Protein backbone atom coordinates (compact mmCIF):
# COMPACT_ATOMS: atom_id res chain seq x y z
CA UNK A 1 -10.47 12.12 -11.07
CA UNK A 2 -8.48 8.75 -13.06
CA UNK A 3 -10.48 6.36 -14.99
CA UNK A 4 -10.67 3.19 -13.22
CA UNK A 5 -10.62 -0.57 -14.64
CA UNK A 6 -13.73 -1.84 -12.60
CA UNK A 7 -14.15 -5.30 -14.19
CA UNK A 8 -13.37 -4.10 -17.66
CA UNK A 9 -15.76 -1.11 -17.48
CA UNK A 10 -13.79 2.56 -17.69
CA UNK A 11 -15.31 4.43 -14.56
CA UNK A 12 -15.21 7.89 -13.44
CA UNK A 13 -16.53 6.88 -10.45
CA UNK A 14 -14.65 4.40 -9.04
CA UNK A 15 -15.82 4.16 -5.32
CA UNK A 16 -19.82 4.19 -6.64
CA UNK A 17 -19.14 1.54 -8.86
CA UNK A 18 -17.18 -0.33 -6.00
CA UNK A 19 -19.92 0.50 -3.52
CA UNK A 20 -22.10 -1.94 -6.25
CA UNK A 21 -20.30 -4.67 -6.06
CA UNK A 22 -20.84 -5.10 -2.50
CA UNK A 23 -23.30 -6.68 -0.57
CA UNK A 24 -24.22 -4.20 2.62
CA UNK A 25 -25.23 -7.44 4.32
CA UNK A 26 -21.42 -9.39 4.56
CA UNK A 27 -18.75 -8.14 6.28
CA UNK A 28 -16.23 -6.59 4.78
CA UNK A 29 -12.32 -7.08 4.92
CA UNK A 30 -9.80 -4.60 3.55
CA UNK A 31 -6.38 -6.64 3.69
CA UNK A 32 -3.27 -5.42 2.26
CA UNK A 33 0.47 -7.33 0.88
CA UNK A 34 1.90 -9.24 3.06
CA UNK A 35 4.70 -8.04 5.38
CA UNK A 36 2.48 -4.57 4.76
CA UNK A 37 4.27 -1.01 4.61
CA UNK A 38 2.80 2.46 5.90
CA UNK A 39 1.31 2.75 2.53
CA UNK A 40 -0.81 -0.43 2.34
CA UNK A 41 -1.82 0.00 6.10
CA UNK A 42 -3.34 3.88 5.78
CA UNK A 43 -5.19 2.49 2.59
CA UNK A 44 -6.70 -0.16 4.46
CA UNK A 45 -7.69 1.87 7.40
CA UNK A 46 -8.81 4.24 5.10
CA UNK A 47 -10.91 2.33 2.79
CA UNK A 48 -12.26 0.29 5.88
CA UNK A 49 -13.32 3.65 7.38
CA UNK A 50 -14.71 5.65 4.61
CA UNK A 51 -16.68 1.98 4.43
CA UNK A 52 -17.47 2.17 7.71
CA UNK A 53 -19.76 5.66 7.68
CA UNK A 54 -21.91 4.13 4.70
CA UNK A 55 -22.61 1.40 6.96
CA UNK A 56 -20.86 -1.56 6.24
CA UNK A 57 -19.16 -4.01 8.52
CA UNK A 58 -15.67 -3.29 8.01
CA UNK A 59 -12.38 -3.83 9.33
CA UNK A 60 -8.78 -3.77 7.84
CA UNK A 61 -6.08 -6.70 8.08
CA UNK A 62 -2.45 -8.12 6.86
CA UNK A 63 -0.81 -11.34 6.67
CA UNK A 64 3.16 -11.38 7.65
CA UNK A 65 3.93 -8.55 10.13
CA UNK A 66 4.89 -5.44 10.55
CA UNK A 67 9.21 -5.15 10.17
CA UNK A 68 8.82 -0.84 9.65
CA UNK A 69 9.84 0.63 12.90
CA UNK A 70 8.06 3.79 11.31
CA UNK A 71 4.91 1.72 10.27
CA UNK A 72 4.77 0.24 14.38
CA UNK A 73 5.20 3.81 15.43
CA UNK A 74 2.25 4.96 13.16
CA UNK A 75 0.16 2.48 14.37
CA UNK A 76 0.53 3.07 17.97
CA UNK A 77 0.64 7.02 17.51
CA UNK A 78 -2.83 7.29 15.73
CA UNK A 79 -4.38 4.48 16.62
CA UNK A 80 -4.57 2.75 13.62
CA UNK A 81 -7.13 -0.37 13.94
CA UNK A 82 -5.90 -2.85 11.51
CA UNK A 83 -5.22 -6.80 12.55
CA UNK A 84 -2.93 -9.80 12.22
CA UNK A 85 -5.62 -11.58 11.16
CA UNK A 86 -9.33 -11.60 9.95
CA UNK A 87 -11.60 -10.89 12.26
CA UNK A 88 -14.71 -11.16 9.56
CA UNK A 89 -14.71 -15.06 8.95
CA UNK A 90 -15.66 -16.89 5.52
CA UNK A 91 -18.68 -14.41 5.19
CA UNK A 92 -16.18 -11.46 4.75
CA UNK A 93 -16.03 -9.92 1.00
CA UNK A 94 -12.54 -9.24 0.58
CA UNK A 95 -10.90 -5.79 -0.81
CA UNK A 96 -7.18 -5.54 -1.06
CA UNK A 97 -5.38 -2.62 -1.36
CA UNK A 98 -2.03 -2.18 -2.40
CA UNK A 99 -1.33 -5.21 -3.69
CA UNK A 100 -2.54 -8.19 -5.93
CA UNK A 101 -3.00 -11.69 -5.36
CA UNK A 102 -1.50 -11.91 -9.23
CA UNK A 103 1.36 -10.42 -7.96
CA UNK A 104 1.91 -13.26 -5.60
CA UNK A 105 2.51 -10.65 -2.45
CA UNK A 106 -1.01 -11.67 -1.25
CA UNK A 107 -2.03 -14.52 0.88
CA UNK A 108 -5.99 -14.14 1.01
CA UNK A 109 -7.40 -14.06 4.03
CA UNK A 110 -10.80 -17.09 4.01
CA UNK A 111 -13.95 -14.85 2.08
CA UNK A 112 -15.16 -13.97 -0.60
CA UNK A 113 -12.12 -11.71 -3.02
CA UNK A 114 -14.61 -8.68 -4.57
CA UNK A 115 -11.90 -6.24 -5.46
CA UNK A 116 -8.38 -4.73 -6.08
CA UNK A 117 -7.44 -1.46 -5.16
CA UNK A 118 -3.81 -0.93 -6.56
CA UNK A 119 -1.40 1.22 -8.31
CA UNK A 120 1.03 -1.56 -8.86
CA UNK A 121 1.92 -3.43 -11.72
CA UNK A 122 0.05 -5.87 -12.02
CA UNK A 123 2.01 -9.73 -12.72
CA UNK A 124 -1.08 -11.46 -14.90
CA UNK A 125 -5.15 -10.94 -14.85
CA UNK A 126 -6.78 -8.99 -11.80
CA UNK A 127 -9.50 -11.73 -10.73
CA UNK A 128 -11.57 -9.65 -9.41
CA UNK A 129 -15.48 -8.48 -9.88
CA UNK A 130 -13.77 -5.33 -8.61
CA UNK A 131 -10.06 -3.41 -9.99
CA UNK A 132 -9.29 -0.24 -9.89
CA UNK A 133 -5.34 -0.21 -11.08
CA UNK A 134 -3.55 3.18 -11.34
CA UNK A 135 0.40 2.30 -12.09
CA UNK A 136 0.42 5.74 -13.00
CA UNK A 137 -0.27 6.96 -9.66
CA UNK A 138 3.31 7.08 -7.04
CA UNK A 139 1.30 6.14 -3.68
CA UNK A 140 -2.20 4.14 -2.61
CA UNK A 141 -3.26 6.71 -0.44
CA UNK A 142 -3.44 8.96 -2.88
CA UNK A 143 -5.97 6.73 -4.38
CA UNK A 144 -8.37 6.02 -1.51
CA UNK A 145 -7.99 9.69 -0.31
CA UNK A 146 -9.72 10.12 -4.17
CA UNK A 147 -12.96 7.75 -3.05
CA UNK A 148 -13.33 9.84 0.58
CA UNK A 149 -13.29 12.75 -2.76
CA UNK A 150 -16.16 11.14 -4.34
CA UNK A 151 -17.88 10.36 -1.14
CA UNK A 152 -18.24 14.15 -0.97
CA UNK A 153 -16.47 13.60 3.15
CA UNK A 154 -13.72 15.29 5.00
CA UNK A 155 -11.18 12.33 6.69
CA UNK A 156 -10.71 12.51 10.28
CA UNK A 157 -7.58 14.22 11.48
CA UNK A 158 -5.61 11.52 12.58
CA UNK A 159 -6.91 9.14 9.24
CA UNK A 160 -5.57 12.31 7.05
CA UNK A 161 -2.40 12.01 8.36
CA UNK A 162 -2.04 8.18 8.16
CA UNK A 163 -3.21 8.71 4.45
CA UNK A 164 -0.53 11.32 4.32
CA UNK A 165 2.40 8.96 5.62
CA UNK A 166 1.13 6.90 2.97
CA UNK A 167 2.11 9.16 0.91
CA UNK A 168 5.30 10.75 2.24
CA UNK A 169 6.71 6.97 2.70
CA UNK A 170 5.86 5.58 -0.98
CA UNK A 171 7.65 8.98 -2.60
CA UNK A 172 10.34 9.52 -0.38
CA UNK A 173 8.82 13.41 0.23
CA UNK A 174 7.68 13.86 -3.41
CA UNK A 175 11.24 13.59 -3.95
CA UNK A 176 10.86 10.64 -6.86
CA UNK A 177 8.30 10.35 -9.37
CA UNK A 178 5.20 11.06 -9.05
CA UNK A 179 1.97 12.11 -10.69
CA UNK A 180 -0.19 15.40 -10.63
CA UNK A 181 -3.04 13.40 -8.49
CA UNK A 182 -0.46 12.49 -5.53
CA UNK A 183 0.51 16.18 -5.30
CA UNK A 184 -3.67 16.93 -5.47
CA UNK A 185 -3.95 15.00 -2.87
CA UNK A 186 -1.36 15.39 -0.02
CA UNK A 187 -1.50 19.54 -0.75
CA UNK A 188 -5.28 18.75 -0.05
CA UNK A 189 -4.44 16.40 2.82
CA UNK A 190 -1.70 18.89 4.12
CA UNK A 191 -4.91 21.24 6.00
CA UNK A 192 -6.30 17.76 7.04
CA UNK A 193 -3.83 16.08 8.94
CA UNK A 194 -0.46 16.42 10.94
CA UNK A 195 1.53 17.05 8.64
CA UNK A 196 4.97 17.54 10.95
CA UNK A 197 4.02 14.48 13.06
CA UNK A 198 3.68 11.82 9.74
CA UNK A 199 6.97 13.09 8.93
CA UNK A 200 8.96 12.76 12.34
CA UNK A 201 7.37 9.44 12.18
CA UNK A 202 7.89 8.53 8.46
CA UNK A 203 12.25 9.66 8.33
CA UNK A 204 13.71 6.32 9.05
CA UNK A 205 15.50 6.03 12.83
CA UNK A 206 18.04 3.69 13.18
CA UNK A 207 19.20 2.13 16.15
CA UNK A 208 23.07 1.74 16.84
CA UNK A 209 22.87 -2.04 15.92
CA UNK A 210 21.60 -1.35 12.47
CA UNK A 211 23.79 1.07 11.34
CA UNK A 212 26.46 -0.75 12.29
CA UNK A 213 25.10 -3.95 9.64
CA UNK A 214 24.93 -1.15 7.30
CA UNK A 215 28.40 0.21 6.98
CA UNK A 216 29.28 -3.89 7.30
CA UNK A 217 27.03 -4.88 3.86
CA UNK A 218 28.38 -1.99 2.22
CA UNK A 219 32.10 -3.14 2.89
CA UNK A 220 30.76 -6.61 1.32
CA UNK A 221 28.70 -5.44 -1.89
CA UNK A 222 29.54 -6.64 -5.27
CA UNK A 223 29.11 -4.47 -8.41
CA UNK A 224 28.40 -5.97 -11.69
CA UNK A 225 27.13 -4.86 -15.02
CA UNK A 226 25.53 -1.83 -13.53
CA UNK A 227 24.18 -3.52 -9.85
CA UNK A 228 25.69 -3.27 -6.59
CA UNK A 229 24.45 -6.27 -4.70
CA UNK A 230 25.15 -5.70 -0.52
CA UNK A 231 23.12 -8.50 2.06
CA UNK A 232 22.47 -7.28 5.70
CA UNK A 233 22.60 -10.33 8.44
CA UNK A 234 19.24 -9.46 9.71
CA UNK A 235 16.67 -8.72 11.87
CA UNK A 236 16.78 -5.21 10.93
CA UNK A 237 13.81 -2.94 10.66
CA UNK A 238 12.97 -3.20 6.58
CA UNK A 239 13.77 0.96 6.95
CA UNK A 240 17.66 -0.23 6.95
CA UNK A 241 17.51 -1.99 3.79
CA UNK A 242 14.95 0.83 1.58
CA UNK A 243 17.83 3.43 2.35
CA UNK A 244 21.02 0.96 1.88
CA UNK A 245 19.76 0.30 -1.91
CA UNK A 246 18.75 4.49 -1.98
CA UNK A 247 22.11 5.52 -1.02
CA UNK A 248 24.02 2.91 -2.79
CA UNK A 249 22.00 4.53 -6.13
CA UNK A 250 23.86 7.69 -5.99
CA UNK A 251 27.16 5.96 -7.11
CA UNK A 252 26.74 7.07 -10.74
CA UNK A 253 28.35 3.95 -12.42
CA UNK A 254 24.91 1.80 -11.06
CA UNK A 255 21.80 1.48 -13.36
CA UNK A 256 20.34 -0.82 -9.84
CA UNK A 257 20.55 -1.94 -6.29
CA UNK A 258 19.14 -4.66 -4.57
CA UNK A 259 19.73 -4.71 -0.28
CA UNK A 260 19.18 -8.75 0.57
CA UNK A 261 18.22 -8.90 4.33
CA UNK A 262 18.41 -12.88 6.01
CA UNK A 263 16.82 -13.58 9.00
CA UNK A 264 14.64 -16.97 10.59
CA UNK A 265 11.71 -16.36 8.26
CA UNK A 266 13.82 -16.16 4.97
CA UNK A 267 15.29 -13.47 2.73
CA UNK A 268 13.93 -10.11 2.02
CA UNK A 269 14.46 -7.90 -1.16
CA UNK A 270 14.47 -4.08 -1.33
CA UNK A 271 15.97 -2.90 -5.12
CA UNK A 272 15.96 0.57 -6.28
CA UNK A 273 16.44 1.55 -9.84
CA UNK A 274 17.03 5.05 -11.46
CA UNK A 275 14.78 4.67 -14.65
CA UNK A 276 12.17 2.09 -16.01
CA UNK A 277 14.25 0.96 -18.46
CA UNK A 278 16.22 -1.16 -16.38
CA UNK A 279 13.68 -2.09 -13.71
CA UNK A 280 13.64 -2.74 -10.54
CA UNK A 281 10.20 -4.42 -10.54
CA UNK A 282 11.61 -6.85 -13.78
CA UNK A 283 14.72 -7.41 -11.73
CA UNK A 284 13.17 -8.60 -9.03
CA UNK A 285 10.79 -10.57 -10.19
CA UNK A 286 13.31 -12.31 -12.84
CA UNK A 287 15.61 -12.89 -10.11
CA UNK A 288 13.14 -14.40 -7.87
CA UNK A 289 11.30 -16.70 -10.04
CA UNK A 290 10.29 -20.17 -8.63
CA UNK A 291 12.12 -19.39 -5.26
CA UNK A 292 9.63 -16.25 -4.02
CA UNK A 293 7.69 -13.03 -4.78
CA UNK A 294 8.32 -9.78 -5.59
CA UNK A 295 6.66 -5.92 -6.64
CA UNK A 296 6.66 -3.19 -6.73
CA UNK A 297 7.72 -0.25 -9.61
CA UNK A 298 9.59 0.59 -12.03
CA UNK A 299 12.23 2.76 -9.68
CA UNK A 300 11.30 0.78 -6.10
CA UNK A 301 10.74 -2.57 -5.44
CA UNK A 302 10.34 -5.62 -2.64
CA UNK A 303 10.72 -9.58 -2.72
CA UNK A 304 10.38 -12.28 -0.47
CA UNK A 305 12.03 -15.84 -0.21
CA UNK A 306 11.20 -18.11 2.47
CA UNK A 307 13.65 -19.96 4.24
CA UNK A 308 12.60 -23.37 2.74
CA UNK A 309 13.04 -22.09 -0.75
CA UNK A 310 16.46 -20.46 -0.37
CA UNK A 311 19.16 -21.68 -2.72
CA UNK A 312 22.35 -20.32 -0.97
CA UNK A 313 24.22 -16.75 -0.80
CA UNK A 314 25.63 -17.28 -4.00
CA UNK A 315 23.23 -18.25 -6.38
CA UNK A 316 20.77 -15.90 -5.16
CA UNK A 317 23.68 -13.31 -6.23
CA UNK A 318 24.30 -14.72 -9.07
CA UNK A 319 20.44 -14.99 -10.23
CA UNK A 320 20.28 -11.65 -9.64
CA UNK A 321 23.39 -10.61 -11.41
CA UNK A 322 22.18 -13.11 -14.28
CA UNK A 323 18.77 -10.85 -13.94
CA UNK A 324 20.98 -8.08 -14.26
CA UNK A 325 23.06 -8.63 -17.31
CA UNK A 326 20.12 -9.76 -19.24
CA UNK A 327 18.00 -6.20 -18.05
CA UNK A 328 21.78 -4.20 -19.39
CA UNK A 329 21.78 -5.80 -22.72
CA UNK A 330 18.18 -4.77 -23.88
CA UNK A 331 18.33 -1.13 -21.24
CA UNK A 332 19.38 2.13 -23.77
CA UNK A 333 22.66 3.44 -22.25
CA UNK A 334 22.99 5.64 -18.97
CA UNK A 335 23.14 9.03 -19.77
CA UNK A 336 26.76 11.03 -19.08
CA UNK A 337 28.17 7.18 -20.06
């Protein structure tokens, strides 16, 4: 098992270290990043379920909304217990999974922040008594399955299916950057859960309107400095942005792609990159600095700008091209070019 950074101390048994930080007399709320994805919800449900087995009053929650059709379907089919508000009150011990307050993508519920479990890069310090941070992993679901193994327990079938879906969604079915631990977790969960059900749900399903939106976005896309920028007039499912960003990156001239969706809440972004030398994480963070939030990985990232902070279509686009030009100046040439 990979070692965890627990309050600055290396720990080979992160779940035991986490339990050492929790008060069994107080409720525990496992909170995802805002506007959660499949990996975040699966991780929160699985961790709250494991804590419940240990006798804790544990629940899972998120802020924002579920924007993914696949995730909404997963919640419905598996009966995932997660709320859009906190049932624990201000006495809650907060555990954040698949996100970090320092990255600006978690609006904490009332209570005391006790721990962070995340596989993303942290932009700043993880200010919590417990911090299990493993950016080398591709999925937070792999981390939480490791907690179940450490506890000597096997997740029930529905929960194992959710963790399979979390790994599938964050690794694009193990086709992009994954660690040996992600592969091991997927292999072991394969026999515990229903991988076929998870696969059917995770695979993107569009309606005809969204297909039309994608076609129009591509026709109006602009490419400069190795970056393609496209906009979708929402509302639409979260998957539409990700699939369009992945598809456009197939053009060999591009280093990265960004797709923006406009809706009443503001601007939602999905970014993809070929390599860590031209990081999607850095691109989004730099372009949205002072306007909104962003986070993720070097190969895949996302962001959000509230409607009140939106400076306009042209300025947002130019911010991304300016950020891309700065990244390109410091990145090595692309292979074959």
